[in-house]
Amino acid sequence: MAKRVGEDIRQGIMNNFLTKPVDYFNYKFAGALGGVAYRIVVAILSFSVLSWVFGNYFDFSFQFANLSFFFLSASLGFLINYQIFYLIGLSTFWFGFIMGFNFLAQMIIKFLDGSIIPLDLLPRVIIDINNWLPFKFIVFVPISIFTGRLTPDSGVFLAPLGWTILLYFSSRLAFKIGIKKYDGFGA
């Protein structure tokens, strides 16, 4: 996401969006949502085939009651992730080229969202710092809800909802300020 937004800014493709009645944030969001929908369909089909073929070898169980809470939490995680990388892409307005920054941010976020290792295995000081950041709501919390390790309550959803709202307004503000600085070169 950040790479595509950055390239649109750097190569002047943003000019097309400034002259048409298309909201850039919503346009990029629809593209990201389509990509996620495609990956979900592929994952469900793959999981169905694997569970049918190897179902006797695995003891996989989950609570169906947690499924709706999982989807809600995963949706909020997707929104947080999208908006973080959208903001990183918008930083191209100021930095010009963000490939290194984008890569570094991806690695840090993958570590702090629980994609690489479960957050429970990190040192206590990192866990305490990460509890104040939005990253754990991207992967760790939805998976914990799905597996039943975390009981869904209002706190599990209010914090990511607050981060989603804060990131949304931050990205809108960053776009508005960045457009004033935008020169439109490369078009």
N, C-alpha and C. Protein backbone atom coordinates (compact mmCIF):
# COMPACT_ATOMS: atom_id res chain seq x y z
N MET A 1 0.82 -1.18 0.00
CA MET A 1 0.00 0.00 0.00
C MET A 1 0.87 1.26 0.00
N ALA A 2 1.81 1.35 0.92
CA ALA A 2 2.65 2.55 1.01
C ALA A 2 3.44 2.75 -0.27
N LYS A 3 3.92 1.66 -0.84
CA LYS A 3 4.70 1.76 -2.08
C LYS A 3 3.85 2.35 -3.20
N ARG A 4 2.61 1.87 -3.34
CA ARG A 4 1.75 2.36 -4.42
C ARG A 4 1.36 3.82 -4.23
N VAL A 5 1.06 4.20 -3.00
CA VAL A 5 0.73 5.60 -2.72
C VAL A 5 1.95 6.47 -2.99
N GLY A 6 3.11 6.02 -2.53
CA GLY A 6 4.35 6.77 -2.76
C GLY A 6 4.66 6.94 -4.23
N GLU A 7 4.47 5.87 -5.01
CA GLU A 7 4.72 5.95 -6.45
C GLU A 7 3.74 6.90 -7.13
N ASP A 8 2.48 6.89 -6.69
CA ASP A 8 1.50 7.83 -7.26
C ASP A 8 1.93 9.27 -7.03
N ILE A 9 2.48 9.54 -5.88
CA ILE A 9 2.92 10.90 -5.57
C ILE A 9 4.20 11.22 -6.33
N ARG A 10 5.17 10.32 -6.27
CA ARG A 10 6.48 10.57 -6.87
C ARG A 10 6.43 10.69 -8.38
N GLN A 11 5.58 9.88 -9.03
CA GLN A 11 5.53 9.88 -10.48
C GLN A 11 4.48 10.84 -11.06
N GLY A 12 3.80 11.55 -10.20
CA GLY A 12 2.83 12.53 -10.68
C GLY A 12 1.47 11.94 -11.02
N ILE A 13 1.25 10.68 -10.73
CA ILE A 13 -0.04 10.04 -11.01
C ILE A 13 -1.14 10.66 -10.16
N MET A 14 -0.75 11.24 -9.05
CA MET A 14 -1.70 11.90 -8.16
C MET A 14 -2.47 12.99 -8.89
N ASN A 15 -1.88 13.58 -9.93
CA ASN A 15 -2.56 14.63 -10.70
C ASN A 15 -3.91 14.14 -11.23
N ASN A 16 -3.96 12.88 -11.65
CA ASN A 16 -5.22 12.33 -12.17
C ASN A 16 -6.32 12.36 -11.13
N PHE A 17 -5.97 12.16 -9.88
CA PHE A 17 -6.97 12.12 -8.82
C PHE A 17 -7.37 13.52 -8.36
N LEU A 18 -6.49 14.47 -8.55
CA LEU A 18 -6.81 15.83 -8.14
C LEU A 18 -7.74 16.52 -9.12
N THR A 19 -7.77 16.04 -10.36
CA THR A 19 -8.61 16.67 -11.38
C THR A 19 -9.92 15.94 -11.60
N LYS A 20 -10.13 14.84 -10.89
CA LYS A 20 -11.36 14.06 -11.05
C LYS A 20 -12.08 13.99 -9.72
N PRO A 21 -13.38 13.80 -9.77
CA PRO A 21 -14.15 13.74 -8.50
C PRO A 21 -14.04 12.35 -7.83
N VAL A 22 -12.82 11.94 -7.57
CA VAL A 22 -12.57 10.65 -6.93
C VAL A 22 -11.79 10.91 -5.64
N ASP A 23 -12.28 10.36 -4.56
CA ASP A 23 -11.58 10.49 -3.29
C ASP A 23 -10.42 9.49 -3.28
N TYR A 24 -9.22 9.98 -3.19
CA TYR A 24 -8.02 9.14 -3.28
C TYR A 24 -7.98 8.09 -2.17
N PHE A 25 -8.31 8.48 -0.96
CA PHE A 25 -8.31 7.54 0.17
C PHE A 25 -9.26 6.37 -0.10
N ASN A 26 -10.48 6.69 -0.53
CA ASN A 26 -11.48 5.65 -0.80
C ASN A 26 -11.09 4.79 -2.00
N TYR A 27 -10.48 5.40 -3.01
CA TYR A 27 -10.03 4.66 -4.18
C TYR A 27 -8.99 3.61 -3.79
N LYS A 28 -7.99 4.02 -3.03
CA LYS A 28 -6.94 3.09 -2.59
C LYS A 28 -7.51 2.05 -1.62
N PHE A 29 -8.46 2.47 -0.78
CA PHE A 29 -9.08 1.55 0.16
C PHE A 29 -9.85 0.45 -0.58
N ALA A 30 -10.58 0.83 -1.62
CA ALA A 30 -11.33 -0.16 -2.40
C ALA A 30 -10.38 -1.16 -3.05
N GLY A 31 -9.24 -0.69 -3.55
CA GLY A 31 -8.25 -1.60 -4.13
C GLY A 31 -7.68 -2.56 -3.09
N ALA A 32 -7.38 -2.03 -1.91
CA ALA A 32 -6.85 -2.88 -0.83
C ALA A 32 -7.89 -3.88 -0.36
N LEU A 33 -9.14 -3.46 -0.28
CA LEU A 33 -10.22 -4.35 0.13
C LEU A 33 -10.42 -5.47 -0.88
N GLY A 34 -10.32 -5.15 -2.16
CA GLY A 34 -10.43 -6.17 -3.20
C GLY A 34 -9.31 -7.20 -3.09
N GLY A 35 -8.10 -6.73 -2.83
CA GLY A 35 -6.98 -7.65 -2.65
C GLY A 35 -7.16 -8.57 -1.46
N VAL A 36 -7.68 -8.03 -0.38
CA VAL A 36 -7.93 -8.84 0.82
C VAL A 36 -9.05 -9.85 0.56
N ALA A 37 -10.10 -9.43 -0.13
CA ALA A 37 -11.19 -10.35 -0.45
C ALA A 37 -10.69 -11.52 -1.29
N TYR A 38 -9.85 -11.23 -2.25
CA TYR A 38 -9.27 -12.30 -3.07
C TYR A 38 -8.44 -13.26 -2.22
N ARG A 39 -7.59 -12.73 -1.33
CA ARG A 39 -6.76 -13.58 -0.48
C ARG A 39 -7.60 -14.41 0.49
N ILE A 40 -8.71 -13.85 0.96
CA ILE A 40 -9.60 -14.60 1.86
C ILE A 40 -10.22 -15.78 1.13
N VAL A 41 -10.69 -15.56 -0.09
CA VAL A 41 -11.28 -16.64 -0.87
C VAL A 41 -10.26 -17.74 -1.13
N VAL A 42 -9.05 -17.37 -1.52
CA VAL A 42 -7.99 -18.35 -1.77
C VAL A 42 -7.66 -19.10 -0.48
N ALA A 43 -7.58 -18.40 0.63
CA ALA A 43 -7.25 -19.04 1.91
C ALA A 43 -8.34 -20.02 2.34
N ILE A 44 -9.59 -19.64 2.18
CA ILE A 44 -10.70 -20.52 2.56
C ILE A 44 -10.70 -21.77 1.69
N LEU A 45 -10.51 -21.59 0.39
CA LEU A 45 -10.46 -22.75 -0.50
C LEU A 45 -9.28 -23.65 -0.16
N SER A 46 -8.12 -23.07 0.07
CA SER A 46 -6.94 -23.86 0.42
C SER A 46 -7.13 -24.59 1.74
N PHE A 47 -7.66 -23.89 2.73
CA PHE A 47 -7.89 -24.50 4.03
C PHE A 47 -8.92 -25.63 3.92
N SER A 48 -9.95 -25.43 3.10
CA SER A 48 -10.96 -26.46 2.92
C SER A 48 -10.37 -27.72 2.31
N VAL A 49 -9.56 -27.54 1.29
CA VAL A 49 -8.92 -28.70 0.65
C VAL A 49 -7.97 -29.40 1.61
N LEU A 50 -7.14 -28.62 2.29
CA LEU A 50 -6.19 -29.23 3.24
C LEU A 50 -6.90 -29.93 4.40
N SER A 51 -7.95 -29.34 4.90
CA SER A 51 -8.66 -29.98 6.01
C SER A 51 -9.40 -31.22 5.54
N TRP A 52 -9.85 -31.23 4.30
CA TRP A 52 -10.51 -32.42 3.75
C TRP A 52 -9.50 -33.55 3.56
N VAL A 53 -8.32 -33.23 3.03
CA VAL A 53 -7.30 -34.24 2.77
C VAL A 53 -6.62 -34.70 4.06
N PHE A 54 -6.25 -33.75 4.92
CA PHE A 54 -5.47 -34.08 6.11
C PHE A 54 -6.26 -33.93 7.41
N GLY A 55 -7.58 -33.86 7.31
CA GLY A 55 -8.42 -33.62 8.48
C GLY A 55 -8.25 -34.63 9.60
N ASN A 56 -7.93 -35.87 9.26
CA ASN A 56 -7.78 -36.91 10.28
C ASN A 56 -6.50 -36.75 11.09
N TYR A 57 -5.56 -35.99 10.59
CA TYR A 57 -4.26 -35.86 11.25
C TYR A 57 -4.16 -34.65 12.18
N PHE A 58 -5.11 -33.76 12.09
CA PHE A 58 -5.07 -32.54 12.90
C PHE A 58 -6.29 -32.46 13.81
N ASP A 59 -6.07 -31.94 14.99
CA ASP A 59 -7.17 -31.68 15.90
C ASP A 59 -7.35 -30.18 15.97
N PHE A 60 -8.09 -29.67 15.00
CA PHE A 60 -8.31 -28.23 14.92
C PHE A 60 -9.74 -27.95 15.35
N SER A 61 -9.87 -27.16 16.38
CA SER A 61 -11.21 -26.80 16.82
C SER A 61 -11.22 -25.33 17.23
N PHE A 62 -12.33 -24.72 17.02
CA PHE A 62 -12.52 -23.34 17.46
C PHE A 62 -13.98 -23.18 17.82
N GLN A 63 -14.29 -22.11 18.51
CA GLN A 63 -15.65 -21.86 18.93
C GLN A 63 -16.34 -20.97 17.90
N PHE A 64 -17.46 -21.45 17.39
CA PHE A 64 -18.18 -20.67 16.39
C PHE A 64 -18.68 -19.34 16.96
N ALA A 65 -18.89 -19.29 18.26
CA ALA A 65 -19.35 -18.05 18.88
C ALA A 65 -18.30 -16.94 18.72
N ASN A 66 -17.04 -17.32 18.68
CA ASN A 66 -15.97 -16.33 18.54
C ASN A 66 -15.77 -15.88 17.10
N LEU A 67 -16.40 -16.56 16.15
CA LEU A 67 -16.18 -16.25 14.74
C LEU A 67 -16.60 -14.82 14.39
N SER A 68 -17.76 -14.39 14.85
CA SER A 68 -18.20 -13.02 14.53
C SER A 68 -17.30 -11.99 15.20
N PHE A 69 -16.86 -12.27 16.44
CA PHE A 69 -15.94 -11.36 17.12
C PHE A 69 -14.59 -11.34 16.41
N PHE A 70 -14.19 -12.50 15.89
CA PHE A 70 -12.93 -12.56 15.13
C PHE A 70 -13.03 -11.69 13.89
N PHE A 71 -14.12 -11.80 13.13
CA PHE A 71 -14.26 -11.01 11.91
C PHE A 71 -14.31 -9.51 12.21
N LEU A 72 -14.96 -9.14 13.29
CA LEU A 72 -15.00 -7.73 13.68
C LEU A 72 -13.59 -7.24 14.05
N SER A 73 -12.89 -8.02 14.84
CA SER A 73 -11.53 -7.65 15.24
C SER A 73 -10.58 -7.63 14.05
N ALA A 74 -10.70 -8.62 13.17
CA ALA A 74 -9.84 -8.66 11.97
C ALA A 74 -10.14 -7.48 11.05
N SER A 75 -11.40 -7.07 10.96
CA SER A 75 -11.74 -5.91 10.14
C SER A 75 -11.13 -4.64 10.70
N LEU A 76 -11.19 -4.48 12.01
CA LEU A 76 -10.55 -3.32 12.62
C LEU A 76 -9.03 -3.37 12.44
N GLY A 77 -8.47 -4.57 12.53
CA GLY A 77 -7.04 -4.73 12.28
C GLY A 77 -6.66 -4.36 10.86
N PHE A 78 -7.50 -4.75 9.91
CA PHE A 78 -7.25 -4.39 8.51
C PHE A 78 -7.29 -2.88 8.33
N LEU A 79 -8.26 -2.22 8.95
CA LEU A 79 -8.37 -0.77 8.84
C LEU A 79 -7.15 -0.07 9.43
N ILE A 80 -6.69 -0.56 10.58
CA ILE A 80 -5.50 0.02 11.20
C ILE A 80 -4.29 -0.16 10.29
N ASN A 81 -4.09 -1.38 9.80
CA ASN A 81 -2.95 -1.67 8.94
C ASN A 81 -2.99 -0.83 7.66
N TYR A 82 -4.17 -0.75 7.04
CA TYR A 82 -4.31 0.04 5.82
C TYR A 82 -3.93 1.50 6.06
N GLN A 83 -4.46 2.05 7.14
CA GLN A 83 -4.24 3.48 7.39
C GLN A 83 -2.80 3.78 7.79
N ILE A 84 -2.15 2.87 8.49
CA ILE A 84 -0.74 3.08 8.83
C ILE A 84 0.09 3.15 7.56
N PHE A 85 -0.12 2.19 6.66
CA PHE A 85 0.68 2.18 5.44
C PHE A 85 0.25 3.26 4.45
N TYR A 86 -0.99 3.69 4.51
CA TYR A 86 -1.42 4.84 3.72
C TYR A 86 -0.66 6.09 4.19
N LEU A 87 -0.56 6.26 5.50
CA LEU A 87 0.19 7.40 6.05
C LEU A 87 1.67 7.32 5.68
N ILE A 88 2.23 6.12 5.71
CA ILE A 88 3.63 5.96 5.30
C ILE A 88 3.79 6.34 3.83
N GLY A 89 2.84 5.94 3.00
CA GLY A 89 2.87 6.33 1.59
C GLY A 89 2.76 7.83 1.41
N LEU A 90 1.91 8.47 2.22
CA LEU A 90 1.76 9.92 2.13
C LEU A 90 3.02 10.66 2.55
N SER A 91 3.88 10.00 3.31
CA SER A 91 5.12 10.67 3.72
C SER A 91 6.02 10.97 2.51
N THR A 92 5.69 10.41 1.36
CA THR A 92 6.41 10.72 0.13
C THR A 92 6.30 12.21 -0.21
N PHE A 93 5.21 12.84 0.19
CA PHE A 93 5.08 14.29 -0.03
C PHE A 93 6.27 15.04 0.55
N TRP A 94 6.81 14.56 1.66
CA TRP A 94 7.88 15.26 2.35
C TRP A 94 9.26 14.64 2.11
N PHE A 95 9.31 13.32 1.99
CA PHE A 95 10.61 12.65 1.89
C PHE A 95 11.02 12.29 0.47
N GLY A 96 10.08 12.27 -0.46
CA GLY A 96 10.39 12.00 -1.86
C GLY A 96 10.50 10.53 -2.21
N PHE A 97 11.21 9.75 -1.45
CA PHE A 97 11.39 8.32 -1.75
C PHE A 97 11.34 7.57 -0.43
N ILE A 98 10.41 6.64 -0.31
CA ILE A 98 10.17 6.01 0.99
C ILE A 98 10.40 4.51 1.01
N MET A 99 11.04 3.95 0.00
CA MET A 99 11.17 2.49 -0.06
C MET A 99 11.88 1.92 1.17
N GLY A 100 12.96 2.54 1.61
CA GLY A 100 13.68 2.06 2.79
C GLY A 100 12.85 2.22 4.05
N PHE A 101 12.20 3.36 4.18
CA PHE A 101 11.34 3.61 5.34
C PHE A 101 10.17 2.64 5.36
N ASN A 102 9.59 2.37 4.20
CA ASN A 102 8.48 1.42 4.09
C ASN A 102 8.92 0.02 4.51
N PHE A 103 10.08 -0.42 4.05
CA PHE A 103 10.58 -1.75 4.40
C PHE A 103 10.84 -1.85 5.90
N LEU A 104 11.47 -0.83 6.47
CA LEU A 104 11.74 -0.82 7.91
C LEU A 104 10.44 -0.85 8.70
N ALA A 105 9.47 -0.06 8.30
CA ALA A 105 8.18 -0.03 8.98
C ALA A 105 7.48 -1.38 8.88
N GLN A 106 7.54 -2.02 7.72
CA GLN A 106 6.92 -3.34 7.57
C GLN A 106 7.54 -4.35 8.53
N MET A 107 8.85 -4.35 8.64
CA MET A 107 9.52 -5.30 9.53
C MET A 107 9.18 -5.05 10.99
N ILE A 108 9.18 -3.80 11.39
CA ILE A 108 8.85 -3.46 12.79
C ILE A 108 7.40 -3.81 13.09
N ILE A 109 6.50 -3.48 12.18
CA ILE A 109 5.08 -3.75 12.41
C ILE A 109 4.82 -5.25 12.42
N LYS A 110 5.45 -6.01 11.52
CA LYS A 110 5.27 -7.47 11.52
C LYS A 110 5.75 -8.08 12.83
N PHE A 111 6.79 -7.51 13.40
CA PHE A 111 7.29 -8.00 14.68
C PHE A 111 6.33 -7.64 15.82
N LEU A 112 5.83 -6.39 15.81
CA LEU A 112 4.99 -5.92 16.90
C LEU A 112 3.52 -6.30 16.77
N ASP A 113 3.08 -6.80 15.60
CA ASP A 113 1.68 -7.21 15.47
C ASP A 113 1.48 -8.70 15.74
N GLY A 114 2.57 -9.42 15.98
CA GLY A 114 2.46 -10.84 16.29
C GLY A 114 2.54 -11.74 15.09
N SER A 115 2.91 -11.22 13.93
CA SER A 115 3.02 -12.05 12.73
C SER A 115 4.22 -12.97 12.77
N ILE A 116 5.30 -12.53 13.37
CA ILE A 116 6.54 -13.31 13.38
C ILE A 116 6.55 -14.28 14.56
N ILE A 117 6.34 -13.77 15.76
CA ILE A 117 6.23 -14.62 16.94
C ILE A 117 5.08 -14.10 17.79
N PRO A 118 4.48 -14.98 18.59
CA PRO A 118 3.40 -14.50 19.47
C PRO A 118 3.93 -13.44 20.43
N LEU A 119 3.14 -12.43 20.65
CA LEU A 119 3.56 -11.32 21.49
C LEU A 119 3.80 -11.74 22.93
N ASP A 120 3.19 -12.84 23.35
CA ASP A 120 3.39 -13.34 24.71
C ASP A 120 4.84 -13.73 24.97
N LEU A 121 5.60 -14.02 23.92
CA LEU A 121 6.98 -14.47 24.08
C LEU A 121 7.99 -13.32 24.16
N LEU A 122 7.53 -12.11 23.94
CA LEU A 122 8.42 -10.95 23.99
C LEU A 122 8.73 -10.58 25.43
N PRO A 123 9.83 -9.86 25.65
CA PRO A 123 10.12 -9.36 27.00
C PRO A 123 9.02 -8.44 27.50
N ARG A 124 8.82 -8.42 28.78
CA ARG A 124 7.73 -7.66 29.41
C ARG A 124 7.77 -6.18 29.03
N VAL A 125 8.94 -5.60 28.94
CA VAL A 125 9.05 -4.17 28.62
C VAL A 125 8.52 -3.89 27.21
N ILE A 126 8.78 -4.78 26.27
CA ILE A 126 8.27 -4.59 24.90
C ILE A 126 6.76 -4.79 24.87
N ILE A 127 6.27 -5.76 25.63
CA ILE A 127 4.82 -5.97 25.71
C ILE A 127 4.13 -4.74 26.28
N ASP A 128 4.71 -4.16 27.33
CA ASP A 128 4.11 -2.97 27.95
C ASP A 128 4.09 -1.79 26.99
N ILE A 129 5.16 -1.60 26.23
CA ILE A 129 5.19 -0.52 25.24
C ILE A 129 4.20 -0.80 24.13
N ASN A 130 4.15 -2.03 23.66
CA ASN A 130 3.27 -2.41 22.56
C ASN A 130 1.79 -2.30 22.94
N ASN A 131 1.48 -2.40 24.21
CA ASN A 131 0.09 -2.25 24.65
C ASN A 131 -0.44 -0.84 24.40
N TRP A 132 0.44 0.14 24.25
CA TRP A 132 0.04 1.51 23.98
C TRP A 132 0.00 1.82 22.48
N LEU A 133 0.41 0.87 21.66
CA LEU A 133 0.49 1.06 20.21
C LEU A 133 -0.62 0.27 19.52
N PRO A 134 -0.93 0.58 18.28
CA PRO A 134 -2.04 -0.11 17.60
C PRO A 134 -1.68 -1.46 16.98
N PHE A 135 -0.42 -1.82 16.98
CA PHE A 135 0.03 -2.94 16.16
C PHE A 135 -0.54 -4.29 16.58
N LYS A 136 -0.72 -4.54 17.86
CA LYS A 136 -1.20 -5.84 18.30
C LYS A 136 -2.62 -6.13 17.82
N PHE A 137 -3.37 -5.08 17.48
CA PHE A 137 -4.74 -5.26 17.01
C PHE A 137 -4.81 -5.70 15.55
N ILE A 138 -3.68 -5.69 14.86
CA ILE A 138 -3.66 -6.08 13.45
C ILE A 138 -3.73 -7.60 13.31
N VAL A 139 -2.92 -8.34 14.07
CA VAL A 139 -2.87 -9.80 13.94
C VAL A 139 -3.10 -10.51 15.27
N PHE A 140 -2.37 -10.11 16.30
CA PHE A 140 -2.35 -10.86 17.56
C PHE A 140 -3.73 -10.96 18.21
N VAL A 141 -4.42 -9.85 18.34
CA VAL A 141 -5.72 -9.84 19.00
C VAL A 141 -6.77 -10.63 18.20
N PRO A 142 -6.89 -10.44 16.87
CA PRO A 142 -7.87 -11.26 16.14
C PRO A 142 -7.58 -12.76 16.24
N ILE A 143 -6.33 -13.15 16.16
CA ILE A 143 -6.00 -14.58 16.27
C ILE A 143 -6.28 -15.09 17.67
N SER A 144 -5.99 -14.27 18.68
CA SER A 144 -6.27 -14.67 20.06
C SER A 144 -7.77 -14.85 20.29
N ILE A 145 -8.58 -14.01 19.67
CA ILE A 145 -10.04 -14.16 19.77
C ILE A 145 -10.47 -15.43 19.05
N PHE A 146 -9.93 -15.67 17.87
CA PHE A 146 -10.30 -16.84 17.07
C PHE A 146 -9.98 -18.14 17.80
N THR A 147 -8.83 -18.20 18.44
CA THR A 147 -8.41 -19.42 19.11
C THR A 147 -8.99 -19.55 20.52
N GLY A 148 -9.66 -18.50 21.01
CA GLY A 148 -10.27 -18.56 22.32
C GLY A 148 -9.35 -18.17 23.46
N ARG A 149 -8.14 -17.72 23.15
CA ARG A 149 -7.20 -17.29 24.19
C ARG A 149 -7.60 -15.95 24.79
N LEU A 150 -8.39 -15.18 24.07
CA LEU A 150 -8.80 -13.85 24.52
C LEU A 150 -10.33 -13.79 24.49
N THR A 151 -10.92 -13.42 25.60
CA THR A 151 -12.37 -13.29 25.67
C THR A 151 -12.77 -11.93 25.13
N PRO A 152 -13.62 -11.91 24.11
CA PRO A 152 -14.02 -10.62 23.53
C PRO A 152 -14.88 -9.82 24.51
N ASP A 153 -14.46 -8.60 24.78
CA ASP A 153 -15.25 -7.67 25.57
C ASP A 153 -15.14 -6.30 24.90
N SER A 154 -15.77 -5.32 25.49
CA SER A 154 -15.79 -4.01 24.84
C SER A 154 -14.40 -3.40 24.71
N GLY A 155 -13.51 -3.66 25.65
CA GLY A 155 -12.16 -3.12 25.59
C GLY A 155 -11.36 -3.62 24.42
N VAL A 156 -11.64 -4.85 24.02
CA VAL A 156 -10.92 -5.45 22.89
C VAL A 156 -11.30 -4.74 21.59
N PHE A 157 -12.47 -4.12 21.55
CA PHE A 157 -12.92 -3.46 20.33
C PHE A 157 -12.84 -1.93 20.41
N LEU A 158 -12.92 -1.37 21.60
CA LEU A 158 -12.88 0.09 21.72
C LEU A 158 -11.51 0.66 21.39
N ALA A 159 -10.45 0.00 21.86
CA ALA A 159 -9.10 0.49 21.58
C ALA A 159 -8.79 0.51 20.08
N PRO A 160 -9.02 -0.60 19.34
CA PRO A 160 -8.75 -0.52 17.90
C PRO A 160 -9.68 0.43 17.16
N LEU A 161 -10.90 0.57 17.65
CA LEU A 161 -11.82 1.53 17.03
C LEU A 161 -11.29 2.96 17.23
N GLY A 162 -10.78 3.24 18.42
CA GLY A 162 -10.18 4.54 18.67
C GLY A 162 -8.97 4.78 17.79
N TRP A 163 -8.11 3.76 17.64
CA TRP A 163 -6.95 3.90 16.75
C TRP A 163 -7.39 4.11 15.30
N THR A 164 -8.44 3.40 14.90
CA THR A 164 -8.93 3.55 13.52
C THR A 164 -9.40 4.98 13.26
N ILE A 165 -10.13 5.53 14.20
CA ILE A 165 -10.62 6.91 14.05
C ILE A 165 -9.46 7.90 14.06
N LEU A 166 -8.53 7.72 14.98
CA LEU A 166 -7.36 8.62 15.06
C LEU A 166 -6.53 8.55 13.77
N LEU A 167 -6.29 7.35 13.27
CA LEU A 167 -5.51 7.20 12.04
C LEU A 167 -6.25 7.75 10.83
N TYR A 168 -7.58 7.61 10.81
CA TYR A 168 -8.36 8.14 9.70
C TYR A 168 -8.21 9.67 9.62
N PHE A 169 -8.42 10.33 10.74
CA PHE A 169 -8.31 11.79 10.73
C PHE A 169 -6.87 12.24 10.49
N SER A 170 -5.91 11.47 10.99
CA SER A 170 -4.50 11.79 10.74
C SER A 170 -4.17 11.67 9.25
N SER A 171 -4.69 10.63 8.61
CA SER A 171 -4.40 10.46 7.19
C SER A 171 -5.09 11.52 6.34
N ARG A 172 -6.29 11.91 6.73
CA ARG A 172 -6.97 12.99 6.01
C ARG A 172 -6.21 14.31 6.15
N LEU A 173 -5.73 14.59 7.35
CA LEU A 173 -4.97 15.81 7.60
C LEU A 173 -3.64 15.77 6.85
N ALA A 174 -2.95 14.63 6.89
CA ALA A 174 -1.67 14.51 6.18
C ALA A 174 -1.86 14.69 4.68
N PHE A 175 -2.95 14.16 4.12
CA PHE A 175 -3.22 14.32 2.69
C PHE A 175 -3.46 15.79 2.36
N LYS A 176 -4.25 16.45 3.19
CA LYS A 176 -4.57 17.86 2.95
C LYS A 176 -3.31 18.73 3.01
N ILE A 177 -2.45 18.48 3.99
CA ILE A 177 -1.21 19.25 4.11
C ILE A 177 -0.24 18.88 2.99
N GLY A 178 -0.17 17.60 2.67
CA GLY A 178 0.74 17.13 1.62
C GLY A 178 0.38 17.66 0.25
N ILE A 179 -0.90 17.75 -0.05
CA ILE A 179 -1.33 18.27 -1.36
C ILE A 179 -0.89 19.71 -1.54
N LYS A 180 -0.85 20.47 -0.46
CA LYS A 180 -0.38 21.86 -0.57
C LYS A 180 1.09 21.93 -0.93
N LYS A 181 1.84 20.89 -0.55
CA LYS A 181 3.26 20.84 -0.83
C LYS A 181 3.56 20.15 -2.19
N TYR A 182 2.59 19.43 -2.70
CA TYR A 182 2.74 18.61 -3.88
C TYR A 182 3.02 19.46 -5.13
N ASP A 183 4.04 19.05 -5.91
CA ASP A 183 4.40 19.78 -7.12
C ASP A 183 3.90 19.12 -8.39
N GLY A 184 3.57 17.83 -8.35
CA GLY A 184 3.02 17.15 -9.51
C GLY A 184 4.04 16.80 -10.57
N PHE A 185 5.31 16.69 -10.21
CA PHE A 185 6.33 16.34 -11.18
C PHE A 185 6.15 14.90 -11.64
N GLY A 186 6.60 14.61 -12.82
CA GLY A 186 6.57 13.25 -13.35
C GLY A 186 5.33 12.90 -14.13
N ALA A 187 4.35 13.77 -14.17
CA ALA A 187 3.11 13.46 -14.88
C ALA A 187 3.28 13.62 -16.36
